[in-house]
Amino acid sequence: MPWMVYKHLRNLLGIPIREGELHKHKCNCGHVWEHSDNCGGDTNAHTCPNCGAEQWMRYYGDEPVSEPVNEPNPYLFHL
């Protein structure tokens, strides 16, 4: 969903957009990362830093954020 549509729908429903707060995503490869709520519609923020898969569903589990990926996945550069 485009970011502006998302913001408009939340505004209509009276749901505040929590600017600057963080939320998490968990990839099928098991990697958990977080980013700012300001990143709606940003493909880079929703791309797993471990394997390169896109993940748009938020993760609400208790698993902590994974360690940062030290070496970029070489397969990401061939997508």
C-alpha atoms as a PDB file:
ATOM      1  CA  MET A   1       0.000   0.000   0.000  1.00  0.00           C
ATOM      2  CA  PRO A   2       1.472   3.376  -0.931  1.00  0.00           C
ATOM      3  CA  TRP A   3       2.611   5.406   2.067  1.00  0.00           C
ATOM      4  CA  MET A   4       0.279   8.351   1.404  1.00  0.00           C
ATOM      5  CA  VAL A   5      -2.772   6.058   1.205  1.00  0.00           C
ATOM      6  CA  TYR A   6      -1.669   4.394   4.447  1.00  0.00           C
ATOM      7  CA  LYS A   7      -1.304   7.764   6.176  1.00  0.00           C
ATOM      8  CA  HIS A   8      -4.682   8.928   4.866  1.00  0.00           C
ATOM      9  CA  LEU A   9      -6.483   5.775   6.035  1.00  0.00           C
ATOM     10  CA  ARG A  10      -4.926   5.985   9.487  1.00  0.00           C
ATOM     11  CA  ASN A  11      -5.929   9.635   9.682  1.00  0.00           C
ATOM     12  CA  LEU A  12      -9.534   8.822   8.705  1.00  0.00           C
ATOM     13  CA  LEU A  13      -9.701   6.090  11.343  1.00  0.00           C
ATOM     14  CA  GLY A  14      -8.140   8.330  13.976  1.00  0.00           C
ATOM     15  CA  ILE A  15      -5.082   6.094  14.389  1.00  0.00           C
ATOM     16  CA  PRO A  16      -1.996   8.211  15.044  1.00  0.00           C
ATOM     17  CA  ILE A  17       1.137   7.598  13.029  1.00  0.00           C
ATOM     18  CA  ARG A  18       3.901   7.165  15.547  1.00  0.00           C
ATOM     19  CA  GLU A  19       6.624   9.146  13.825  1.00  0.00           C
ATOM     20  CA  GLY A  20      10.091   8.054  14.835  1.00  0.00           C
ATOM     21  CA  GLU A  21       9.069   4.926  16.750  1.00  0.00           C
ATOM     22  CA  LEU A  22      10.466   1.534  15.757  1.00  0.00           C
ATOM     23  CA  HIS A  23       8.891  -1.740  14.748  1.00  0.00           C
ATOM     24  CA  LYS A  24      10.361  -5.142  13.848  1.00  0.00           C
ATOM     25  CA  HIS A  25      10.206  -7.560  10.945  1.00  0.00           C
ATOM     26  CA  LYS A  26      11.213 -11.226  10.899  1.00  0.00           C
ATOM     27  CA  CYS A  27      12.290 -12.912   7.684  1.00  0.00           C
ATOM     28  CA  ASN A  28      11.719 -16.570   6.800  1.00  0.00           C
ATOM     29  CA  CYS A  29      15.488 -17.022   7.198  1.00  0.00           C
ATOM     30  CA  GLY A  30      15.047 -16.125  10.894  1.00  0.00           C
ATOM     31  CA  HIS A  31      16.699 -12.695  10.820  1.00  0.00           C
ATOM     32  CA  VAL A  32      14.914 -10.012  12.884  1.00  0.00           C
ATOM     33  CA  TRP A  33      15.492  -6.308  12.192  1.00  0.00           C
ATOM     34  CA  GLU A  34      13.817  -3.052  13.090  1.00  0.00           C
ATOM     35  CA  HIS A  35      13.324   0.302  11.459  1.00  0.00           C
ATOM     36  CA  SER A  36      11.457   3.537  12.021  1.00  0.00           C
ATOM     37  CA  ASP A  37       7.718   3.849  11.459  1.00  0.00           C
ATOM     38  CA  ASN A  38       8.646   6.669   9.061  1.00  0.00           C
ATOM     39  CA  CYS A  39       9.798   4.092   6.484  1.00  0.00           C
ATOM     40  CA  GLY A  40       6.374   3.157   5.100  1.00  0.00           C
ATOM     41  CA  GLY A  41       6.707   2.280   1.429  1.00  0.00           C
ATOM     42  CA  ASP A  42      10.519   2.129   1.624  1.00  0.00           C
ATOM     43  CA  THR A  43      11.591  -1.136  -0.025  1.00  0.00           C
ATOM     44  CA  ASN A  44      15.106  -0.943   1.459  1.00  0.00           C
ATOM     45  CA  ALA A  45      13.738  -0.810   5.010  1.00  0.00           C
ATOM     46  CA  HIS A  46      11.636  -3.903   4.315  1.00  0.00           C
ATOM     47  CA  THR A  47      14.441  -5.955   2.760  1.00  0.00           C
ATOM     48  CA  CYS A  48      16.103  -8.536   4.999  1.00  0.00           C
ATOM     49  CA  PRO A  49      19.740  -7.539   5.516  1.00  0.00           C
ATOM     50  CA  ASN A  50      20.649 -11.222   5.820  1.00  0.00           C
ATOM     51  CA  CYS A  51      19.140 -12.802   2.694  1.00  0.00           C
ATOM     52  CA  GLY A  52      17.584  -9.962   0.673  1.00  0.00           C
ATOM     53  CA  ALA A  53      13.955 -11.124   0.804  1.00  0.00           C
ATOM     54  CA  GLU A  54      11.263  -8.467   1.222  1.00  0.00           C
ATOM     55  CA  GLN A  55       9.194  -8.684   4.402  1.00  0.00           C
ATOM     56  CA  TRP A  56       6.341  -6.229   4.890  1.00  0.00           C
ATOM     57  CA  MET A  57       4.533  -7.962   7.752  1.00  0.00           C
ATOM     58  CA  ARG A  58       5.419  -6.639  11.187  1.00  0.00           C
ATOM     59  CA  TYR A  59       6.835  -9.005  13.767  1.00  0.00           C
ATOM     60  CA  TYR A  60       5.272  -8.761  17.227  1.00  0.00           C
ATOM     61  CA  GLY A  61       7.140 -11.648  18.850  1.00  0.00           C
ATOM     62  CA  ASP A  62       9.597 -11.443  21.713  1.00  0.00           C
ATOM     63  CA  GLU A  63      12.667 -12.467  19.733  1.00  0.00           C
ATOM     64  CA  PRO A  64      15.323  -9.729  19.941  1.00  0.00           C
ATOM     65  CA  VAL A  65      16.772  -7.939  16.945  1.00  0.00           C
ATOM     66  CA  SER A  66      19.428 -10.090  15.261  1.00  0.00           C
ATOM     67  CA  GLU A  67      23.071  -9.146  15.243  1.00  0.00           C
ATOM     68  CA  PRO A  68      23.976  -6.814  12.367  1.00  0.00           C
ATOM     69  CA  VAL A  69      25.149  -8.530   9.217  1.00  0.00           C
ATOM     70  CA  ASN A  70      28.894  -7.896   8.959  1.00  0.00           C
ATOM     71  CA  GLU A  71      29.389  -9.026   5.389  1.00  0.00           C
ATOM     72  CA  PRO A  72      26.856  -8.258   2.698  1.00  0.00           C
ATOM     73  CA  ASN A  73      25.243 -11.249   1.080  1.00  0.00           C
ATOM     74  CA  PRO A  74      26.867 -11.567  -2.375  1.00  0.00           C
ATOM     75  CA  TYR A  75      23.611 -12.829  -3.876  1.00  0.00           C
ATOM     76  CA  LEU A  76      21.898  -9.500  -3.104  1.00  0.00           C
ATOM     77  CA  PHE A  77      23.921  -7.785  -5.809  1.00  0.00           C
ATOM     78  CA  HIS A  78      22.559 -10.121  -8.492  1.00  0.00           C
ATOM     79  CA  LEU A  79      18.854  -9.494  -7.870  1.00  0.00           C
END
